[in-house]
Amino acid sequence: MIWEVYALKYADRPGRARTDSFIFDDNHDVPHPIDYFIWVLKSGDEVIVVDSGYDMPEAMKRDRPILREPSEVLREIGINAETVTQLIITHLHYDHAGGLAQFPNATIHLQAAEMAFATGPCMCHDTLRMPFSAEHVCQMVHRVYSGRVIFHEGDGQVADGVTVHCIGGHSRGLQAVRVRTASGWLCLASDAAHYYENAFLKKPFPIVVDLEDMLLGFDKVIELASDKRLVIPGHDPLVMELFERSGPDFAVRLDTGPVGEFPY
């Protein structure tokens, strides 16, 4: 199958600096905003959503406002979150799994290592626990008990032309998503590369469980794509500038490749 791929922006945080994005950055105090996305894969009538984003209650709890609910951005492109049947969760951090309740009928694809990490002894450490929410992890446990989670161990297939690949580094069971498109294989890196700079300039992100896995993951996401221009970072505002808008101003189409000059 050949898939179309869309990035939908639901939140941003302009008040950040480069020290929040890169370890040992020389320009640590320079402003460095971040965008938050969910992604949609479409092939005919088939729809797969990648990540759930986070909802308004989580936004209020963390004082990190969102521009719109993830379910709203889907609704505006004609997708009802309640009818989505396939949901890939790249990892269980709040901004990627904080909207699970909006997808009540979805079967979820998750790395077994991520579930073990989010429910294991590492969560006794405040620093490692910070990006997780116990409520979201408990929601995932309920999904497991309802028989609606498919666990992958390393590489796995979600559908024809859609595979997941465990990267680790940022979180123990972080997975990237590889998608067959008309332009070739596209890699949704998610937080294996928050920004293009992470992957292409080998600059680690400060929230990290295993630094070696993170560094090796930069090469892995580039290898998974047929063309470096089809590597899609998880949070880079450049995505909204490089790719063609598709419908609402918060949506861009990724599978056709960048329309702006690719900087790497």
C-alpha atoms as a PDB file:
ATOM      1  CA  MET A   1       0.000   0.000   0.000  1.00  0.00           C
ATOM      2  CA  ILE A   2       1.005   3.587  -0.644  1.00  0.00           C
ATOM      3  CA  TRP A   3       0.200   6.087   2.096  1.00  0.00           C
ATOM      4  CA  GLU A   4      -0.337   9.806   2.359  1.00  0.00           C
ATOM      5  CA  VAL A   5       1.145  11.340   5.517  1.00  0.00           C
ATOM      6  CA  TYR A   6       0.028  14.497   7.303  1.00  0.00           C
ATOM      7  CA  ALA A   7       1.377  16.429  10.287  1.00  0.00           C
ATOM      8  CA  LEU A   8      -1.233  18.228  12.408  1.00  0.00           C
ATOM      9  CA  LYS A   9       0.012  20.875  14.815  1.00  0.00           C
ATOM     10  CA  TYR A  10      -2.020  21.191  18.020  1.00  0.00           C
ATOM     11  CA  ALA A  11       0.280  23.164  20.356  1.00  0.00           C
ATOM     12  CA  ASP A  12       3.485  25.159  20.582  1.00  0.00           C
ATOM     13  CA  ARG A  13       5.744  26.712  23.202  1.00  0.00           C
ATOM     14  CA  PRO A  14       7.629  29.781  22.017  1.00  0.00           C
ATOM     15  CA  GLY A  15       9.227  30.596  25.373  1.00  0.00           C
ATOM     16  CA  ARG A  16      12.095  28.123  25.214  1.00  0.00           C
ATOM     17  CA  ALA A  17      15.851  28.431  24.656  1.00  0.00           C
ATOM     18  CA  ARG A  18      18.370  26.232  22.892  1.00  0.00           C
ATOM     19  CA  THR A  19      19.515  24.814  26.228  1.00  0.00           C
ATOM     20  CA  ASP A  20      16.084  23.122  26.388  1.00  0.00           C
ATOM     21  CA  SER A  21      16.720  21.381  23.060  1.00  0.00           C
ATOM     22  CA  PHE A  22      20.424  20.509  22.911  1.00  0.00           C
ATOM     23  CA  ILE A  23      23.088  19.274  25.305  1.00  0.00           C
ATOM     24  CA  PHE A  24      26.249  21.444  25.410  1.00  0.00           C
ATOM     25  CA  ASP A  25      24.937  23.968  22.898  1.00  0.00           C
ATOM     26  CA  ASP A  26      27.202  26.988  22.417  1.00  0.00           C
ATOM     27  CA  ASN A  27      24.230  29.339  22.036  1.00  0.00           C
ATOM     28  CA  HIS A  28      22.324  28.028  25.023  1.00  0.00           C
ATOM     29  CA  ASP A  29      20.308  31.191  25.721  1.00  0.00           C
ATOM     30  CA  VAL A  30      19.075  31.803  22.139  1.00  0.00           C
ATOM     31  CA  PRO A  31      15.276  31.417  21.813  1.00  0.00           C
ATOM     32  CA  HIS A  32      14.225  28.030  20.438  1.00  0.00           C
ATOM     33  CA  PRO A  33      10.474  27.347  20.113  1.00  0.00           C
ATOM     34  CA  ILE A  34       8.878  23.919  19.875  1.00  0.00           C
ATOM     35  CA  ASP A  35       5.790  22.634  18.041  1.00  0.00           C
ATOM     36  CA  TYR A  36       3.603  19.677  19.011  1.00  0.00           C
ATOM     37  CA  PHE A  37       2.121  17.353  16.385  1.00  0.00           C
ATOM     38  CA  ILE A  38       0.065  14.293  15.808  1.00  0.00           C
ATOM     39  CA  TRP A  39       0.338  12.511  12.457  1.00  0.00           C
ATOM     40  CA  VAL A  40      -2.163  10.878  10.137  1.00  0.00           C
ATOM     41  CA  LEU A  41      -1.535   8.121   7.599  1.00  0.00           C
ATOM     42  CA  LYS A  42      -4.159   7.646   4.873  1.00  0.00           C
ATOM     43  CA  SER A  43      -4.466   5.037   2.118  1.00  0.00           C
ATOM     44  CA  GLY A  44      -7.869   4.935   0.478  1.00  0.00           C
ATOM     45  CA  ASP A  45     -10.339   4.469   3.315  1.00  0.00           C
ATOM     46  CA  GLU A  46      -7.632   3.254   5.702  1.00  0.00           C
ATOM     47  CA  VAL A  47      -6.561   5.669   8.454  1.00  0.00           C
ATOM     48  CA  ILE A  48      -3.834   5.239  11.056  1.00  0.00           C
ATOM     49  CA  VAL A  49      -3.134   7.938  13.626  1.00  0.00           C
ATOM     50  CA  VAL A  50       0.327   8.295  15.131  1.00  0.00           C
ATOM     51  CA  ASP A  51       0.303   9.597  18.719  1.00  0.00           C
ATOM     52  CA  SER A  52      -2.619  11.094  20.606  1.00  0.00           C
ATOM     53  CA  GLY A  53      -1.123  14.405  21.707  1.00  0.00           C
ATOM     54  CA  TYR A  54      -2.286  15.803  25.030  1.00  0.00           C
ATOM     55  CA  ASP A  55      -5.651  17.247  25.975  1.00  0.00           C
ATOM     56  CA  MET A  56      -6.848  20.359  27.782  1.00  0.00           C
ATOM     57  CA  PRO A  57      -6.800  18.893  31.320  1.00  0.00           C
ATOM     58  CA  GLU A  58      -3.159  17.871  30.863  1.00  0.00           C
ATOM     59  CA  ALA A  59      -2.375  21.286  29.388  1.00  0.00           C
ATOM     60  CA  MET A  60      -3.817  22.968  32.470  1.00  0.00           C
ATOM     61  CA  LYS A  61      -2.068  20.615  34.876  1.00  0.00           C
ATOM     62  CA  ARG A  62       1.338  21.278  33.315  1.00  0.00           C
ATOM     63  CA  ASP A  63       0.681  24.929  32.458  1.00  0.00           C
ATOM     64  CA  ARG A  64       1.491  24.157  28.828  1.00  0.00           C
ATOM     65  CA  PRO A  65      -1.442  25.524  26.825  1.00  0.00           C
ATOM     66  CA  ILE A  66      -2.613  23.867  23.647  1.00  0.00           C
ATOM     67  CA  LEU A  67      -3.978  25.633  20.599  1.00  0.00           C
ATOM     68  CA  ARG A  68      -6.661  23.002  20.019  1.00  0.00           C
ATOM     69  CA  GLU A  69      -7.587  19.507  21.207  1.00  0.00           C
ATOM     70  CA  PRO A  70      -6.058  16.667  19.136  1.00  0.00           C
ATOM     71  CA  SER A  71      -9.575  15.379  18.418  1.00  0.00           C
ATOM     72  CA  GLU A  72     -10.470  18.820  17.063  1.00  0.00           C
ATOM     73  CA  VAL A  73      -7.589  18.926  14.601  1.00  0.00           C
ATOM     74  CA  LEU A  74      -8.658  15.513  13.342  1.00  0.00           C
ATOM     75  CA  ARG A  75     -12.290  16.586  13.057  1.00  0.00           C
ATOM     76  CA  GLU A  76     -11.306  19.550  10.911  1.00  0.00           C
ATOM     77  CA  ILE A  77      -9.743  17.222   8.336  1.00  0.00           C
ATOM     78  CA  GLY A  78     -12.738  14.881   8.392  1.00  0.00           C
ATOM     79  CA  ILE A  79     -11.602  12.236  10.894  1.00  0.00           C
ATOM     80  CA  ASN A  80     -13.576  11.334  14.012  1.00  0.00           C
ATOM     81  CA  ALA A  81     -11.152  10.283  16.758  1.00  0.00           C
ATOM     82  CA  GLU A  82     -13.804   7.992  18.239  1.00  0.00           C
ATOM     83  CA  THR A  83     -13.912   5.913  15.051  1.00  0.00           C
ATOM     84  CA  VAL A  84     -10.128   5.564  14.657  1.00  0.00           C
ATOM     85  CA  THR A  85      -9.269   1.870  14.934  1.00  0.00           C
ATOM     86  CA  GLN A  86      -5.454   1.938  14.639  1.00  0.00           C
ATOM     87  CA  LEU A  87      -3.320   4.191  16.849  1.00  0.00           C
ATOM     88  CA  ILE A  88       0.466   4.037  17.046  1.00  0.00           C
ATOM     89  CA  ILE A  89       1.881   5.469  20.283  1.00  0.00           C
ATOM     90  CA  THR A  90       5.552   6.221  19.754  1.00  0.00           C
ATOM     91  CA  HIS A  91       6.149   6.455  23.520  1.00  0.00           C
ATOM     92  CA  LEU A  92       4.212   7.188  26.692  1.00  0.00           C
ATOM     93  CA  HIS A  93       5.358  10.736  27.453  1.00  0.00           C
ATOM     94  CA  TYR A  94       2.434  13.036  28.209  1.00  0.00           C
ATOM     95  CA  ASP A  95       2.620  14.942  24.918  1.00  0.00           C
ATOM     96  CA  HIS A  96       2.402  11.755  22.863  1.00  0.00           C
ATOM     97  CA  ALA A  97       0.010   9.648  24.954  1.00  0.00           C
ATOM     98  CA  GLY A  98      -1.938  12.324  26.836  1.00  0.00           C
ATOM     99  CA  GLY A  99      -5.021  12.118  24.634  1.00  0.00           C
ATOM    100  CA  LEU A 100      -5.725   8.370  24.757  1.00  0.00           C
ATOM    101  CA  ALA A 101      -9.238   8.961  26.097  1.00  0.00           C
ATOM    102  CA  GLN A 102     -10.127  10.659  22.801  1.00  0.00           C
ATOM    103  CA  PHE A 103      -9.539   7.354  20.945  1.00  0.00           C
ATOM    104  CA  PRO A 104     -11.799   4.918  22.821  1.00  0.00           C
ATOM    105  CA  ASN A 105     -12.109   2.378  19.999  1.00  0.00           C
ATOM    106  CA  ALA A 106      -8.509   2.262  18.809  1.00  0.00           C
ATOM    107  CA  THR A 107      -6.190  -0.700  18.967  1.00  0.00           C
ATOM    108  CA  ILE A 108      -2.855   0.695  20.119  1.00  0.00           C
ATOM    109  CA  HIS A 109       0.588  -0.275  18.850  1.00  0.00           C
ATOM    110  CA  LEU A 110       3.312   0.155  21.481  1.00  0.00           C
ATOM    111  CA  GLN A 111       6.761  -1.202  22.204  1.00  0.00           C
ATOM    112  CA  ALA A 112       6.798  -3.744  25.035  1.00  0.00           C
ATOM    113  CA  ALA A 113       9.927  -2.034  26.358  1.00  0.00           C
ATOM    114  CA  GLU A 114       8.028   1.235  26.768  1.00  0.00           C
ATOM    115  CA  MET A 115       5.284  -0.360  28.815  1.00  0.00           C
ATOM    116  CA  ALA A 116       7.847  -2.048  31.050  1.00  0.00           C
ATOM    117  CA  PHE A 117       9.747   1.218  31.456  1.00  0.00           C
ATOM    118  CA  ALA A 118       6.686   3.311  32.317  1.00  0.00           C
ATOM    119  CA  THR A 119       5.495   0.829  34.955  1.00  0.00           C
ATOM    120  CA  GLY A 120       8.866  -0.259  36.350  1.00  0.00           C
ATOM    121  CA  PRO A 121      11.389   0.844  38.974  1.00  0.00           C
ATOM    122  CA  CYS A 122      12.788   3.676  36.823  1.00  0.00           C
ATOM    123  CA  MET A 123       9.598   5.584  37.616  1.00  0.00           C
ATOM    124  CA  CYS A 124      10.801   5.898  41.225  1.00  0.00           C
ATOM    125  CA  HIS A 125      13.173   8.628  39.982  1.00  0.00           C
ATOM    126  CA  ASP A 126      11.612  12.099  39.652  1.00  0.00           C
ATOM    127  CA  THR A 127      13.736  13.046  36.641  1.00  0.00           C
ATOM    128  CA  LEU A 128      12.753   9.968  34.630  1.00  0.00           C
ATOM    129  CA  ARG A 129       9.115  10.131  35.734  1.00  0.00           C
ATOM    130  CA  MET A 130       8.654  13.828  34.887  1.00  0.00           C
ATOM    131  CA  PRO A 131       7.542  13.408  31.216  1.00  0.00           C
ATOM    132  CA  PHE A 132       5.031  10.687  32.130  1.00  0.00           C
ATOM    133  CA  SER A 133       1.587  10.946  33.685  1.00  0.00           C
ATOM    134  CA  ALA A 134       0.366   8.114  35.903  1.00  0.00           C
ATOM    135  CA  GLU A 135      -3.158   8.662  34.581  1.00  0.00           C
ATOM    136  CA  HIS A 136      -2.090   8.036  30.992  1.00  0.00           C
ATOM    137  CA  VAL A 137      -0.049   4.991  31.922  1.00  0.00           C
ATOM    138  CA  CYS A 138      -3.032   3.597  33.831  1.00  0.00           C
ATOM    139  CA  GLN A 139      -5.216   4.221  30.793  1.00  0.00           C
ATOM    140  CA  MET A 140      -2.781   2.131  28.781  1.00  0.00           C
ATOM    141  CA  VAL A 141      -2.949  -0.640  31.391  1.00  0.00           C
ATOM    142  CA  HIS A 142      -6.737  -0.658  31.025  1.00  0.00           C
ATOM    143  CA  ARG A 143      -6.326  -0.928  27.254  1.00  0.00           C
ATOM    144  CA  VAL A 144      -4.043  -3.925  27.752  1.00  0.00           C
ATOM    145  CA  TYR A 145      -6.646  -5.623  29.927  1.00  0.00           C
ATOM    146  CA  SER A 146      -9.328  -4.919  27.326  1.00  0.00           C
ATOM    147  CA  GLY A 147      -7.230  -6.674  24.691  1.00  0.00           C
ATOM    148  CA  ARG A 148      -6.649  -3.560  22.594  1.00  0.00           C
ATOM    149  CA  VAL A 149      -2.872  -3.196  22.695  1.00  0.00           C
ATOM    150  CA  ILE A 150      -0.498  -4.849  20.245  1.00  0.00           C
ATOM    151  CA  PHE A 151       3.011  -4.971  21.639  1.00  0.00           C
ATOM    152  CA  HIS A 152       6.052  -4.856  19.378  1.00  0.00           C
ATOM    153  CA  GLU A 153       9.547  -5.887  20.318  1.00  0.00           C
ATOM    154  CA  GLY A 154      11.987  -4.022  18.102  1.00  0.00           C
ATOM    155  CA  ASP A 155      10.803  -3.958  14.493  1.00  0.00           C
ATOM    156  CA  GLY A 156       7.145  -4.674  13.772  1.00  0.00           C
ATOM    157  CA  GLN A 157       4.512  -4.292  11.068  1.00  0.00           C
ATOM    158  CA  VAL A 158       1.330  -2.335  11.673  1.00  0.00           C
ATOM    159  CA  ALA A 159      -0.064  -2.529   8.137  1.00  0.00           C
ATOM    160  CA  ASP A 160       1.164  -3.080   4.609  1.00  0.00           C
ATOM    161  CA  GLY A 161       3.696  -0.283   4.132  1.00  0.00           C
ATOM    162  CA  VAL A 162       3.719   0.814   7.798  1.00  0.00           C
ATOM    163  CA  THR A 163       6.351  -0.488  10.216  1.00  0.00           C
ATOM    164  CA  VAL A 164       7.604   0.516  13.665  1.00  0.00           C
ATOM    165  CA  HIS A 165      11.211   0.427  14.853  1.00  0.00           C
ATOM    166  CA  CYS A 166      12.423   0.664  18.447  1.00  0.00           C
ATOM    167  CA  ILE A 167      14.975   3.458  18.817  1.00  0.00           C
ATOM    168  CA  GLY A 168      15.134   4.105  22.552  1.00  0.00           C
ATOM    169  CA  GLY A 169      17.366   6.867  23.873  1.00  0.00           C
ATOM    170  CA  HIS A 170      14.807   9.535  24.758  1.00  0.00           C
ATOM    171  CA  SER A 171      12.582   6.909  26.375  1.00  0.00           C
ATOM    172  CA  ARG A 172      13.305   3.210  26.760  1.00  0.00           C
ATOM    173  CA  GLY A 173      10.744   2.023  24.230  1.00  0.00           C
ATOM    174  CA  LEU A 174      10.541   4.990  21.887  1.00  0.00           C
ATOM    175  CA  GLN A 175       9.652   3.858  18.360  1.00  0.00           C
ATOM    176  CA  ALA A 176       9.874   5.555  14.984  1.00  0.00           C
ATOM    177  CA  VAL A 177       7.361   4.869  12.213  1.00  0.00           C
ATOM    178  CA  ARG A 178       8.372   3.998   8.654  1.00  0.00           C
ATOM    179  CA  VAL A 179       5.774   4.621   5.942  1.00  0.00           C
ATOM    180  CA  ARG A 180       5.775   3.674   2.259  1.00  0.00           C
ATOM    181  CA  THR A 181       4.742   6.700   0.178  1.00  0.00           C
ATOM    182  CA  ALA A 182       4.732   7.591  -3.497  1.00  0.00           C
ATOM    183  CA  SER A 183       7.985   9.489  -2.847  1.00  0.00           C
ATOM    184  CA  GLY A 184       9.661   6.545  -1.111  1.00  0.00           C
ATOM    185  CA  TRP A 185      10.014   5.466   2.505  1.00  0.00           C
ATOM    186  CA  LEU A 186       9.237   8.259   4.961  1.00  0.00           C
ATOM    187  CA  CYS A 187      10.337   8.126   8.597  1.00  0.00           C
ATOM    188  CA  LEU A 188       8.296   9.762  11.325  1.00  0.00           C
ATOM    189  CA  ALA A 189      11.114  10.059  13.825  1.00  0.00           C
ATOM    190  CA  SER A 190       8.911  11.289  16.662  1.00  0.00           C
ATOM    191  CA  ASP A 191      11.238  12.062  19.578  1.00  0.00           C
ATOM    192  CA  ALA A 192      14.124  10.043  18.190  1.00  0.00           C
ATOM    193  CA  ALA A 193      14.843  13.471  16.689  1.00  0.00           C
ATOM    194  CA  HIS A 194      12.881  16.361  18.144  1.00  0.00           C
ATOM    195  CA  TYR A 195      14.541  18.719  15.639  1.00  0.00           C
ATOM    196  CA  TYR A 196      16.385  18.322  12.353  1.00  0.00           C
ATOM    197  CA  GLU A 197      19.500  19.492  14.192  1.00  0.00           C
ATOM    198  CA  ASN A 198      19.308  16.547  16.577  1.00  0.00           C
ATOM    199  CA  ALA A 199      19.567  13.984  13.795  1.00  0.00           C
ATOM    200  CA  PHE A 200      21.629  15.739  11.158  1.00  0.00           C
ATOM    201  CA  LEU A 201      24.097  17.534  13.426  1.00  0.00           C
ATOM    202  CA  LYS A 202      24.177  14.752  16.059  1.00  0.00           C
ATOM    203  CA  LYS A 203      23.073  17.027  18.902  1.00  0.00           C
ATOM    204  CA  PRO A 204      21.467  15.087  21.768  1.00  0.00           C
ATOM    205  CA  PHE A 205      18.235  16.234  23.361  1.00  0.00           C
ATOM    206  CA  PRO A 206      18.459  16.865  27.147  1.00  0.00           C
ATOM    207  CA  ILE A 207      15.657  14.468  28.169  1.00  0.00           C
ATOM    208  CA  VAL A 208      17.452  11.167  27.704  1.00  0.00           C
ATOM    209  CA  VAL A 209      17.466   7.707  29.251  1.00  0.00           C
ATOM    210  CA  ASP A 210      20.334   6.225  27.225  1.00  0.00           C
ATOM    211  CA  LEU A 211      22.618   8.666  25.439  1.00  0.00           C
ATOM    212  CA  GLU A 212      24.271   6.019  23.256  1.00  0.00           C
ATOM    213  CA  ASP A 213      20.897   4.765  22.035  1.00  0.00           C
ATOM    214  CA  MET A 214      19.899   8.338  21.260  1.00  0.00           C
ATOM    215  CA  LEU A 215      23.045   8.971  19.218  1.00  0.00           C
ATOM    216  CA  LEU A 216      22.700   5.674  17.339  1.00  0.00           C
ATOM    217  CA  GLY A 217      19.045   6.514  16.771  1.00  0.00           C
ATOM    218  CA  PHE A 218      19.960   9.630  14.806  1.00  0.00           C
ATOM    219  CA  ASP A 219      21.606   7.420  12.199  1.00  0.00           C
ATOM    220  CA  LYS A 220      18.757   4.903  12.341  1.00  0.00           C
ATOM    221  CA  VAL A 221      16.000   7.372  11.456  1.00  0.00           C
ATOM    222  CA  ILE A 222      18.040   8.639   8.510  1.00  0.00           C
ATOM    223  CA  GLU A 223      18.613   5.058   7.328  1.00  0.00           C
ATOM    224  CA  LEU A 224      14.897   4.271   7.568  1.00  0.00           C
ATOM    225  CA  ALA A 225      14.015   6.986   5.033  1.00  0.00           C
ATOM    226  CA  SER A 226      14.649   6.678   1.295  1.00  0.00           C
ATOM    227  CA  ASP A 227      15.727  10.317   1.209  1.00  0.00           C
ATOM    228  CA  LYS A 228      16.923  12.549   4.047  1.00  0.00           C
ATOM    229  CA  ARG A 229      14.181  15.011   3.136  1.00  0.00           C
ATOM    230  CA  LEU A 230      11.674  12.339   4.198  1.00  0.00           C
ATOM    231  CA  VAL A 231      12.975  12.247   7.784  1.00  0.00           C
ATOM    232  CA  ILE A 232      10.330  14.051   9.840  1.00  0.00           C
ATOM    233  CA  PRO A 233      11.386  15.265  13.313  1.00  0.00           C
ATOM    234  CA  GLY A 234       8.883  15.170  16.124  1.00  0.00           C
ATOM    235  CA  HIS A 235       8.751  18.812  17.227  1.00  0.00           C
ATOM    236  CA  ASP A 236      10.565  21.074  14.763  1.00  0.00           C
ATOM    237  CA  PRO A 237       8.673  24.247  13.726  1.00  0.00           C
ATOM    238  CA  LEU A 238      10.563  24.005  10.417  1.00  0.00           C
ATOM    239  CA  VAL A 239       8.144  21.238   9.405  1.00  0.00           C
ATOM    240  CA  MET A 240       5.371  23.821   9.091  1.00  0.00           C
ATOM    241  CA  GLU A 241       7.610  25.965   6.882  1.00  0.00           C
ATOM    242  CA  LEU A 242       9.119  23.262   4.665  1.00  0.00           C
ATOM    243  CA  PHE A 243       5.994  21.313   3.728  1.00  0.00           C
ATOM    244  CA  GLU A 244       2.890  22.253   1.789  1.00  0.00           C
ATOM    245  CA  ARG A 245      -0.169  23.299   3.753  1.00  0.00           C
ATOM    246  CA  SER A 246      -3.085  20.913   3.365  1.00  0.00           C
ATOM    247  CA  GLY A 247      -6.475  22.357   4.212  1.00  0.00           C
ATOM    248  CA  PRO A 248      -6.409  24.087   7.629  1.00  0.00           C
ATOM    249  CA  ASP A 249      -3.395  26.212   8.478  1.00  0.00           C
ATOM    250  CA  PHE A 250      -2.285  23.715  11.135  1.00  0.00           C
ATOM    251  CA  ALA A 251      -1.950  20.812   8.662  1.00  0.00           C
ATOM    252  CA  VAL A 252       0.867  20.016   6.231  1.00  0.00           C
ATOM    253  CA  ARG A 253       1.303  17.110   3.843  1.00  0.00           C
ATOM    254  CA  LEU A 254       4.600  15.267   4.274  1.00  0.00           C
ATOM    255  CA  ASP A 255       4.666  12.434   1.741  1.00  0.00           C
ATOM    256  CA  THR A 256       5.115  14.719  -1.263  1.00  0.00           C
ATOM    257  CA  GLY A 257       8.371  16.044   0.178  1.00  0.00           C
ATOM    258  CA  PRO A 258       9.376  19.561   1.230  1.00  0.00           C
ATOM    259  CA  VAL A 259       8.474  22.480  -0.993  1.00  0.00           C
ATOM    260  CA  GLY A 260      10.949  24.782   0.742  1.00  0.00           C
ATOM    261  CA  GLU A 261      14.717  24.506   0.521  1.00  0.00           C
ATOM    262  CA  PHE A 262      15.851  21.645   2.745  1.00  0.00           C
ATOM    263  CA  PRO A 263      18.616  22.941   5.060  1.00  0.00           C
ATOM    264  CA  TYR A 264      20.466  19.660   5.576  1.00  0.00           C
END
